Amino acid sequence: MKSDANPMDPAQRLRDAPRCNATAKSTGQRCRNPSKQGWTVCRLHGAGGGAPRGKAHPNYKHGMRSKEWTDMRKQINELMRHLNDFE
């Protein structure tokens, strides 16, 4: 037997969806787009975005400017400064 209940209108689901928490710098008004599921912002404001890091990035070349190498160079420079202080 068919139910007399009207199924939920798809547009009603969009109207009831939680909204993006991002605000415009110029006007101070909130974004009116629905937020992505599991996020507090919409796809336009960075939900689930970003390129992969490291070798998975399409522009990866050699890794000499990666975060790991940069941190290592900083540590080496700090050690060299301490060695120069002892001389």
C-alpha atoms as a PDB file:
ATOM      1  CA  MET A   1       0.000   0.000   0.000  1.00  0.00           C
ATOM      2  CA  LYS A   2       1.279   3.451  -0.925  1.00  0.00           C
ATOM      3  CA  SER A   3       1.878   6.018   1.756  1.00  0.00           C
ATOM      4  CA  ASP A   4      -0.021   9.303   1.646  1.00  0.00           C
ATOM      5  CA  ALA A   5       2.989  11.103   3.100  1.00  0.00           C
ATOM      6  CA  ASN A   6       4.682  13.392   0.604  1.00  0.00           C
ATOM      7  CA  PRO A   7       8.423  12.576   0.241  1.00  0.00           C
ATOM      8  CA  MET A   8      10.753  15.374   1.258  1.00  0.00           C
ATOM      9  CA  ASP A   9      11.309  17.914  -1.443  1.00  0.00           C
ATOM     10  CA  PRO A  10      15.014  17.866  -2.565  1.00  0.00           C
ATOM     11  CA  ALA A  11      15.072  21.666  -2.469  1.00  0.00           C
ATOM     12  CA  GLN A  12      13.890  21.542   1.160  1.00  0.00           C
ATOM     13  CA  ARG A  13      16.939  19.466   2.070  1.00  0.00           C
ATOM     14  CA  LEU A  14      19.180  22.215   0.637  1.00  0.00           C
ATOM     15  CA  ARG A  15      17.284  24.893   2.547  1.00  0.00           C
ATOM     16  CA  ASP A  16      17.686  22.943   5.796  1.00  0.00           C
ATOM     17  CA  ALA A  17      21.408  22.174   5.264  1.00  0.00           C
ATOM     18  CA  PRO A  18      23.950  23.809   7.629  1.00  0.00           C
ATOM     19  CA  ARG A  19      25.512  26.939   6.161  1.00  0.00           C
ATOM     20  CA  CYS A  20      29.141  27.930   5.530  1.00  0.00           C
ATOM     21  CA  ASN A  21      30.817  29.820   8.406  1.00  0.00           C
ATOM     22  CA  ALA A  22      33.106  31.914   6.177  1.00  0.00           C
ATOM     23  CA  THR A  23      32.571  35.687   6.126  1.00  0.00           C
ATOM     24  CA  ALA A  24      33.451  38.249   3.470  1.00  0.00           C
ATOM     25  CA  LYS A  25      36.187  40.740   4.390  1.00  0.00           C
ATOM     26  CA  SER A  26      34.550  43.545   2.457  1.00  0.00           C
ATOM     27  CA  THR A  27      30.975  43.278   3.763  1.00  0.00           C
ATOM     28  CA  GLY A  28      31.327  41.110   6.864  1.00  0.00           C
ATOM     29  CA  GLN A  29      28.367  38.993   5.740  1.00  0.00           C
ATOM     30  CA  ARG A  30      28.414  35.216   5.971  1.00  0.00           C
ATOM     31  CA  CYS A  31      28.556  32.991   2.924  1.00  0.00           C
ATOM     32  CA  ARG A  32      25.127  31.555   2.130  1.00  0.00           C
ATOM     33  CA  ASN A  33      26.309  28.317   0.507  1.00  0.00           C
ATOM     34  CA  PRO A  34      25.596  25.002   2.228  1.00  0.00           C
ATOM     35  CA  SER A  35      28.646  23.637   4.028  1.00  0.00           C
ATOM     36  CA  LYS A  36      30.216  20.395   2.891  1.00  0.00           C
ATOM     37  CA  GLN A  37      29.283  17.367   4.986  1.00  0.00           C
ATOM     38  CA  GLY A  38      31.743  17.042   7.869  1.00  0.00           C
ATOM     39  CA  TRP A  39      33.132  20.569   7.352  1.00  0.00           C
ATOM     40  CA  THR A  40      32.152  24.008   8.626  1.00  0.00           C
ATOM     41  CA  VAL A  41      32.790  25.722   5.278  1.00  0.00           C
ATOM     42  CA  CYS A  42      31.622  25.236   1.697  1.00  0.00           C
ATOM     43  CA  ARG A  43      33.759  23.919  -1.156  1.00  0.00           C
ATOM     44  CA  LEU A  44      34.462  27.472  -2.335  1.00  0.00           C
ATOM     45  CA  HIS A  45      36.040  28.343   1.008  1.00  0.00           C
ATOM     46  CA  GLY A  46      38.365  25.370   1.264  1.00  0.00           C
ATOM     47  CA  ALA A  47      36.444  22.306   2.370  1.00  0.00           C
ATOM     48  CA  GLY A  48      38.347  19.209   1.312  1.00  0.00           C
ATOM     49  CA  GLY A  49      40.679  21.113  -0.952  1.00  0.00           C
ATOM     50  CA  GLY A  50      44.399  21.406  -1.325  1.00  0.00           C
ATOM     51  CA  ALA A  51      47.040  19.653  -3.326  1.00  0.00           C
ATOM     52  CA  PRO A  52      48.859  16.595  -1.976  1.00  0.00           C
ATOM     53  CA  ARG A  53      52.255  17.120  -0.335  1.00  0.00           C
ATOM     54  CA  GLY A  54      55.584  15.614  -1.312  1.00  0.00           C
ATOM     55  CA  LYS A  55      56.081  13.222  -4.193  1.00  0.00           C
ATOM     56  CA  ALA A  56      52.328  12.964  -4.795  1.00  0.00           C
ATOM     57  CA  HIS A  57      52.207  16.628  -5.880  1.00  0.00           C
ATOM     58  CA  PRO A  58      52.173  17.031  -9.684  1.00  0.00           C
ATOM     59  CA  ASN A  59      54.899  19.727  -9.616  1.00  0.00           C
ATOM     60  CA  TYR A  60      57.298  17.738  -7.402  1.00  0.00           C
ATOM     61  CA  LYS A  61      60.808  17.847  -8.878  1.00  0.00           C
ATOM     62  CA  HIS A  62      63.580  16.797  -6.489  1.00  0.00           C
ATOM     63  CA  GLY A  63      62.606  17.568  -2.890  1.00  0.00           C
ATOM     64  CA  MET A  64      65.569  19.842  -2.085  1.00  0.00           C
ATOM     65  CA  ARG A  65      63.155  22.615  -1.053  1.00  0.00           C
ATOM     66  CA  SER A  66      60.789  20.351   0.864  1.00  0.00           C
ATOM     67  CA  LYS A  67      59.885  20.972   4.497  1.00  0.00           C
ATOM     68  CA  GLU A  68      62.142  18.142   5.694  1.00  0.00           C
ATOM     69  CA  TRP A  69      65.198  19.501   3.876  1.00  0.00           C
ATOM     70  CA  THR A  70      64.489  23.047   5.046  1.00  0.00           C
ATOM     71  CA  ASP A  71      64.243  21.887   8.671  1.00  0.00           C
ATOM     72  CA  MET A  72      67.472  19.896   8.286  1.00  0.00           C
ATOM     73  CA  ARG A  73      69.338  22.917   6.871  1.00  0.00           C
ATOM     74  CA  LYS A  74      68.107  25.054   9.782  1.00  0.00           C
ATOM     75  CA  GLN A  75      69.396  22.494  12.289  1.00  0.00           C
ATOM     76  CA  ILE A  76      72.771  22.285  10.543  1.00  0.00           C
ATOM     77  CA  ASN A  77      73.095  26.085  10.519  1.00  0.00           C
ATOM     78  CA  GLU A  78      72.223  26.225  14.213  1.00  0.00           C
ATOM     79  CA  LEU A  79      74.856  23.586  15.023  1.00  0.00           C
ATOM     80  CA  MET A  80      77.459  25.502  12.997  1.00  0.00           C
ATOM     81  CA  ARG A  81      76.646  28.688  14.914  1.00  0.00           C
ATOM     82  CA  HIS A  82      77.156  26.850  18.213  1.00  0.00           C
ATOM     83  CA  LEU A  83      80.470  25.448  16.981  1.00  0.00           C
ATOM     84  CA  ASN A  84      81.644  28.935  15.999  1.00  0.00           C
ATOM     85  CA  ASP A  85      80.761  30.188  19.501  1.00  0.00           C
ATOM     86  CA  PHE A  86      83.215  27.672  21.058  1.00  0.00           C
ATOM     87  CA  GLU A  87      86.127  28.754  18.884  1.00  0.00           C
END
